[in-house]
Amino acid sequence: MKAIRFHLLIFSTVCLLCGCGDEWSCESNGKSLYSKNSSGEIGSADKGCSCDDISEWQLKQYGEIDRAALSRDFGC
């Protein structure tokens, strides 16, 4: 669970540093789930990933879905 919180903190921080006017898509490089906009900027998973995308990634990465964290951090 600490790993999930760590990744969410990184995603949130990156989100604050990125612009918010572009089209975002959901990306994964194995251990990280993030969003990428049409300008190539990286942002938090919630910018381009659906709740289903995040749930599927959590299940693949950790073998379980943290529904409380999804609700708290992404409103899922």
Protein backbone atom coordinates (compact mmCIF):
# COMPACT_ATOMS: atom_id res chain seq x y z
CA MET A 1 0.00 0.00 0.00
CA LYS A 2 2.92 2.35 0.64
CA ALA A 3 4.01 1.90 -2.97
CA ILE A 4 0.59 2.98 -4.21
CA ARG A 5 0.69 6.10 -2.06
CA PHE A 6 4.24 6.87 -3.23
CA HIS A 7 3.23 6.59 -6.89
CA LEU A 8 0.14 8.70 -6.32
CA LEU A 9 2.25 11.38 -4.65
CA ILE A 10 4.62 11.43 -7.63
CA PHE A 11 1.71 11.57 -10.08
CA SER A 12 0.08 14.42 -8.17
CA THR A 13 3.32 16.40 -8.03
CA VAL A 14 3.94 15.96 -11.73
CA CYS A 15 0.35 16.99 -12.40
CA LEU A 16 0.89 20.31 -10.70
CA LEU A 17 3.94 20.99 -12.87
CA CYS A 18 2.24 20.21 -16.18
CA GLY A 19 -0.11 22.26 -18.28
CA CYS A 20 -3.74 21.28 -18.31
CA GLY A 21 -4.95 22.40 -21.77
CA ASP A 22 -3.96 19.40 -23.92
CA GLU A 23 -5.54 16.05 -24.72
CA TRP A 24 -4.37 13.40 -22.22
CA SER A 25 -3.97 9.64 -22.70
CA CYS A 26 -3.29 6.86 -20.22
CA GLU A 27 0.21 5.32 -20.31
CA SER A 28 2.08 2.65 -18.38
CA ASN A 29 5.72 1.65 -18.42
CA GLY A 30 5.31 -1.41 -16.24
CA LYS A 31 5.71 -0.11 -12.70
CA SER A 32 4.22 3.35 -13.26
CA LEU A 33 0.83 4.50 -14.46
CA TYR A 34 0.68 8.07 -15.71
CA SER A 35 -0.88 10.31 -18.32
CA LYS A 36 0.79 11.89 -21.31
CA ASN A 37 -0.58 14.85 -23.23
CA SER A 38 -0.42 15.60 -26.93
CA SER A 39 2.64 17.81 -26.30
CA GLY A 40 4.52 14.92 -24.67
CA GLU A 41 4.22 16.23 -21.11
CA ILE A 42 3.74 13.71 -18.29
CA GLY A 43 0.99 14.09 -15.71
CA SER A 44 -0.83 12.19 -13.00
CA ALA A 45 -2.84 9.11 -13.89
CA ASP A 46 -6.16 10.86 -13.27
CA LYS A 47 -5.64 13.23 -16.22
CA GLY A 48 -5.92 10.55 -18.91
CA CYS A 49 -6.75 7.28 -17.15
CA SER A 50 -10.23 6.12 -16.35
CA CYS A 51 -11.16 4.48 -13.06
CA ASP A 52 -11.17 1.16 -14.92
CA ASP A 53 -7.65 1.82 -16.27
CA ILE A 54 -6.36 2.57 -12.77
CA SER A 55 -8.13 -0.45 -11.24
CA GLU A 56 -6.76 -2.82 -13.89
CA TRP A 57 -3.24 -1.45 -13.41
CA GLN A 58 -3.46 -1.85 -9.61
CA LEU A 59 -4.67 -5.42 -10.01
CA LYS A 60 -1.82 -6.30 -12.39
CA GLN A 61 0.82 -4.47 -10.33
CA TYR A 62 -0.23 -5.39 -6.77
CA GLY A 63 -2.62 -8.32 -7.17
CA GLU A 64 -5.44 -6.33 -5.56
CA ILE A 65 -7.45 -3.17 -6.01
CA ASP A 66 -7.34 -0.60 -3.23
CA ARG A 67 -10.89 0.69 -3.50
CA ALA A 68 -10.47 3.13 -0.61
CA ALA A 69 -7.46 4.75 -2.30
CA LEU A 70 -9.30 4.86 -5.65
CA SER A 71 -12.19 6.65 -4.00
CA ARG A 72 -10.01 9.01 -1.98
CA ASP A 73 -7.42 9.84 -4.62
CA PHE A 74 -9.37 9.60 -7.87
CA GLY A 75 -13.03 9.83 -6.93
CA CYS A 76 -13.70 6.36 -8.35
